[in-house]
C-alpha cells in the first residue's frame, strides 16, 4: 500500500500548466509540514502534484500560506540530464482539502471589527431607564 496523508502550508502559490498532448490540467506546489515539537521541532517540505479539475481548483483558490490536507501516493522519479542521473520524490494527490481560506489568513484578530460610525447630526439617547414590564 502506498498512501500518505499530510497537513501543511503552501510555501508558494501553485503553478498551473496543461500537459502536452492530453491537455490535462496539472498543478504543482510545495507544502511545509512540521515534525516533532518544542526544541526538537523540524520542518519537512514536500512537492505536491494535482491533476485535472482539482488542479484548477488549487490554482484558483490556494496561495502561499494556505493550510491544506493532502491525501495521495509517493512517487519516486528519475531522469538523466547531461549524463547525470537525477532523482526526485513527489506526492501525487488524490484529494486536497482546503483547511483555511485566504480571508481567514488575512484577518488580523479573527474577530469582528466594526467600521467607525458617522455620528454627525445625531445625539446619544440615554436609555438606562428600567423597562416598564
C-alpha atoms as a PDB file:
ATOM      1  CA  UNK A   1       0.000   0.000   0.000  1.00  0.00           C
ATOM      2  CA  UNK A   2       1.346   3.421  -0.986  1.00  0.00           C
ATOM      3  CA  UNK A   3      -0.688   6.106   0.751  1.00  0.00           C
ATOM      4  CA  UNK A   4       0.287   9.317   2.519  1.00  0.00           C
ATOM      5  CA  UNK A   5      -1.714  11.991   4.349  1.00  0.00           C
ATOM      6  CA  UNK A   6      -0.065  15.336   5.095  1.00  0.00           C
ATOM      7  CA  UNK A   7      -1.247  18.612   6.607  1.00  0.00           C
ATOM      8  CA  UNK A   8       0.848  21.671   5.902  1.00  0.00           C
ATOM      9  CA  UNK A   9       1.079  25.182   4.483  1.00  0.00           C
ATOM     10  CA  UNK A  10       1.938  26.098   0.902  1.00  0.00           C
ATOM     11  CA  UNK A  11       5.423  27.560   0.552  1.00  0.00           C
ATOM     12  CA  UNK A  12       4.477  29.365  -2.679  1.00  0.00           C
ATOM     13  CA  UNK A  13       1.492  29.858  -4.965  1.00  0.00           C
ATOM     14  CA  UNK A  14       0.514  26.804  -7.049  1.00  0.00           C
ATOM     15  CA  UNK A  15       1.746  26.659 -10.651  1.00  0.00           C
ATOM     16  CA  UNK A  16      -0.847  25.521 -13.199  1.00  0.00           C
ATOM     17  CA  UNK A  17       0.048  24.137 -16.608  1.00  0.00           C
ATOM     18  CA  UNK A  18      -1.533  21.819 -19.146  1.00  0.00           C
ATOM     19  CA  UNK A  19       0.074  18.524 -20.165  1.00  0.00           C
ATOM     20  CA  UNK A  20       1.263  18.318 -23.758  1.00  0.00           C
ATOM     21  CA  UNK A  21      -0.863  16.007 -25.852  1.00  0.00           C
ATOM     22  CA  UNK A  22      -3.670  15.342 -23.372  1.00  0.00           C
ATOM     23  CA  UNK A  23      -4.279  18.953 -22.370  1.00  0.00           C
ATOM     24  CA  UNK A  24      -4.997  17.840 -18.797  1.00  0.00           C
ATOM     25  CA  UNK A  25      -4.527  20.444 -16.080  1.00  0.00           C
ATOM     26  CA  UNK A  26      -1.701  19.811 -13.638  1.00  0.00           C
ATOM     27  CA  UNK A  27      -0.857  21.967 -10.620  1.00  0.00           C
ATOM     28  CA  UNK A  28       2.321  21.756  -8.587  1.00  0.00           C
ATOM     29  CA  UNK A  29       3.142  23.302  -5.246  1.00  0.00           C
ATOM     30  CA  UNK A  30       5.167  22.573  -2.129  1.00  0.00           C
ATOM     31  CA  UNK A  31       3.956  22.315   1.439  1.00  0.00           C
ATOM     32  CA  UNK A  32       5.822  22.669   4.721  1.00  0.00           C
ATOM     33  CA  UNK A  33       4.910  20.052   7.336  1.00  0.00           C
ATOM     34  CA  UNK A  34       6.081  20.302  10.936  1.00  0.00           C
ATOM     35  CA  UNK A  35       7.580  17.244  12.608  1.00  0.00           C
ATOM     36  CA  UNK A  36       8.136  16.979  16.344  1.00  0.00           C
ATOM     37  CA  UNK A  37       7.622  19.785  18.837  1.00  0.00           C
ATOM     38  CA  UNK A  38       9.476  22.140  21.142  1.00  0.00           C
ATOM     39  CA  UNK A  39      13.226  22.462  20.608  1.00  0.00           C
ATOM     40  CA  UNK A  40      13.211  19.252  18.533  1.00  0.00           C
ATOM     41  CA  UNK A  41      10.678  20.653  16.031  1.00  0.00           C
ATOM     42  CA  UNK A  42      11.723  20.389  12.393  1.00  0.00           C
ATOM     43  CA  UNK A  43      10.019  21.099   9.082  1.00  0.00           C
ATOM     44  CA  UNK A  44       9.826  18.803   6.062  1.00  0.00           C
ATOM     45  CA  UNK A  45       8.995  20.067   2.572  1.00  0.00           C
ATOM     46  CA  UNK A  46       7.013  18.032   0.050  1.00  0.00           C
ATOM     47  CA  UNK A  47       6.335  18.629  -3.643  1.00  0.00           C
ATOM     48  CA  UNK A  48       2.654  18.038  -4.456  1.00  0.00           C
ATOM     49  CA  UNK A  49       1.236  17.252  -7.926  1.00  0.00           C
ATOM     50  CA  UNK A  50      -2.517  17.505  -8.581  1.00  0.00           C
ATOM     51  CA  UNK A  51      -4.302  16.631 -11.845  1.00  0.00           C
ATOM     52  CA  UNK A  52      -7.487  17.659 -13.704  1.00  0.00           C
ATOM     53  CA  UNK A  53     -10.253  19.767 -12.089  1.00  0.00           C
ATOM     54  CA  UNK A  54      -8.726  19.582  -8.583  1.00  0.00           C
ATOM     55  CA  UNK A  55      -5.561  21.095 -10.101  1.00  0.00           C
ATOM     56  CA  UNK A  56      -7.559  24.038 -11.432  1.00  0.00           C
ATOM     57  CA  UNK A  57      -9.265  24.492  -8.047  1.00  0.00           C
ATOM     58  CA  UNK A  58      -5.898  24.522  -6.278  1.00  0.00           C
ATOM     59  CA  UNK A  59      -4.551  27.121  -8.704  1.00  0.00           C
ATOM     60  CA  UNK A  60      -7.654  29.295  -8.320  1.00  0.00           C
ATOM     61  CA  UNK A  61      -8.151  29.163  -4.557  1.00  0.00           C
ATOM     62  CA  UNK A  62      -4.816  28.409  -2.877  1.00  0.00           C
ATOM     63  CA  UNK A  63      -1.993  30.852  -2.244  1.00  0.00           C
ATOM     64  CA  UNK A  64       1.259  30.864  -0.347  1.00  0.00           C
ATOM     65  CA  UNK A  65       0.444  30.170   3.308  1.00  0.00           C
ATOM     66  CA  UNK A  66      -2.783  28.228   2.663  1.00  0.00           C
ATOM     67  CA  UNK A  67      -3.329  25.324   5.054  1.00  0.00           C
ATOM     68  CA  UNK A  68      -4.199  22.085   3.232  1.00  0.00           C
ATOM     69  CA  UNK A  69      -4.652  18.384   3.903  1.00  0.00           C
ATOM     70  CA  UNK A  70      -3.271  16.243   1.084  1.00  0.00           C
ATOM     71  CA  UNK A  71      -4.034  12.564   0.555  1.00  0.00           C
ATOM     72  CA  UNK A  72      -2.092  10.777  -2.152  1.00  0.00           C
ATOM     73  CA  UNK A  73       0.741   8.427  -3.006  1.00  0.00           C
ATOM     74  CA  UNK A  74       4.508   8.849  -3.000  1.00  0.00           C
ATOM     75  CA  UNK A  75       6.135   8.715  -6.401  1.00  0.00           C
ATOM     76  CA  UNK A  76       9.898   8.436  -6.956  1.00  0.00           C
ATOM     77  CA  UNK A  77      11.054   9.736 -10.324  1.00  0.00           C
ATOM     78  CA  UNK A  78      14.416   9.754 -12.037  1.00  0.00           C
ATOM     79  CA  UNK A  79      15.788  11.203 -15.232  1.00  0.00           C
ATOM     80  CA  UNK A  80      19.147  11.705 -16.874  1.00  0.00           C
ATOM     81  CA  UNK A  81      20.443  15.134 -17.862  1.00  0.00           C
ATOM     82  CA  UNK A  82      23.901  15.766 -19.270  1.00  0.00           C
ATOM     83  CA  UNK A  83      24.930  12.245 -18.320  1.00  0.00           C
ATOM     84  CA  UNK A  84      23.954  12.726 -14.673  1.00  0.00           C
ATOM     85  CA  UNK A  85      21.070  10.785 -13.158  1.00  0.00           C
ATOM     86  CA  UNK A  86      18.685  12.917 -11.074  1.00  0.00           C
ATOM     87  CA  UNK A  87      16.113  11.682  -8.562  1.00  0.00           C
ATOM     88  CA  UNK A  88      13.108  13.391  -7.029  1.00  0.00           C
ATOM     89  CA  UNK A  89      10.219  12.415  -4.819  1.00  0.00           C
ATOM     90  CA  UNK A  90       6.740  13.896  -5.065  1.00  0.00           C
ATOM     91  CA  UNK A  91       3.261  13.308  -3.705  1.00  0.00           C
ATOM     92  CA  UNK A  92       0.614  12.681  -6.376  1.00  0.00           C
ATOM     93  CA  UNK A  93      -2.543  13.931  -4.661  1.00  0.00           C
ATOM     94  CA  UNK A  94      -5.851  12.080  -4.810  1.00  0.00           C
ATOM     95  CA  UNK A  95      -7.561  14.763  -2.715  1.00  0.00           C
ATOM     96  CA  UNK A  96      -6.634  18.219  -1.459  1.00  0.00           C
ATOM     97  CA  UNK A  97      -8.771  19.694   1.309  1.00  0.00           C
ATOM     98  CA  UNK A  98      -8.645  23.449   1.876  1.00  0.00           C
ATOM     99  CA  UNK A  99      -8.405  23.895   5.653  1.00  0.00           C
ATOM    100  CA  UNK A 100      -8.499  27.674   5.694  1.00  0.00           C
ATOM    101  CA  UNK A 101      -9.386  30.482   3.341  1.00  0.00           C
ATOM    102  CA  UNK A 102      -7.498  33.484   2.081  1.00  0.00           C
ATOM    103  CA  UNK A 103      -9.883  35.666   4.099  1.00  0.00           C
ATOM    104  CA  UNK A 104      -9.161  33.824   7.364  1.00  0.00           C
ATOM    105  CA  UNK A 105      -5.411  34.255   6.793  1.00  0.00           C
ATOM    106  CA  UNK A 106      -5.897  37.996   6.200  1.00  0.00           C
ATOM    107  CA  UNK A 107      -7.983  38.577   9.342  1.00  0.00           C
ATOM    108  CA  UNK A 108      -5.802  40.152  11.994  1.00  0.00           C
ATOM    109  CA  UNK A 109      -7.666  39.038  15.078  1.00  0.00           C
ATOM    110  CA  UNK A 110     -10.214  36.777  13.559  1.00  0.00           C
ATOM    111  CA  UNK A 111     -12.869  38.756  15.427  1.00  0.00           C
ATOM    112  CA  UNK A 112     -15.447  41.348  14.470  1.00  0.00           C
ATOM    113  CA  UNK A 113     -14.019  44.769  13.631  1.00  0.00           C
ATOM    114  CA  UNK A 114     -16.900  47.221  13.146  1.00  0.00           C
ATOM    115  CA  UNK A 115     -16.474  50.218  10.887  1.00  0.00           C
ATOM    116  CA  UNK A 116     -16.491  53.632  12.576  1.00  0.00           C
ATOM    117  CA  UNK A 117     -19.949  55.180  12.623  1.00  0.00           C
ATOM    118  CA  UNK A 118     -20.554  58.722  11.369  1.00  0.00           C
ATOM    119  CA  UNK A 119     -22.432  60.470  14.201  1.00  0.00           C
ATOM    120  CA  UNK A 120     -22.760  63.952  12.667  1.00  0.00           C
ATOM    121  CA  UNK A 121     -26.216  65.354  13.416  1.00  0.00           C
ATOM    122  CA  UNK A 122     -27.139  62.652  15.932  1.00  0.00           C
ATOM    123  CA  UNK A 123     -27.245  62.709  19.715  1.00  0.00           C
ATOM    124  CA  UNK A 124     -26.788  59.783  22.037  1.00  0.00           C
ATOM    125  CA  UNK A 125     -30.018  58.754  23.783  1.00  0.00           C
ATOM    126  CA  UNK A 126     -29.883  57.905  27.458  1.00  0.00           C
ATOM    127  CA  UNK A 127     -31.625  54.542  27.642  1.00  0.00           C
ATOM    128  CA  UNK A 128     -30.644  53.487  31.151  1.00  0.00           C
ATOM    129  CA  UNK A 129     -34.293  53.577  32.323  1.00  0.00           C
ATOM    130  CA  UNK A 130     -35.922  50.393  33.541  1.00  0.00           C
ATOM    131  CA  UNK A 131     -38.139  48.563  31.119  1.00  0.00           C
ATOM    132  CA  UNK A 132     -41.774  49.116  32.236  1.00  0.00           C
ATOM    133  CA  UNK A 133     -42.806  45.465  32.104  1.00  0.00           C
END
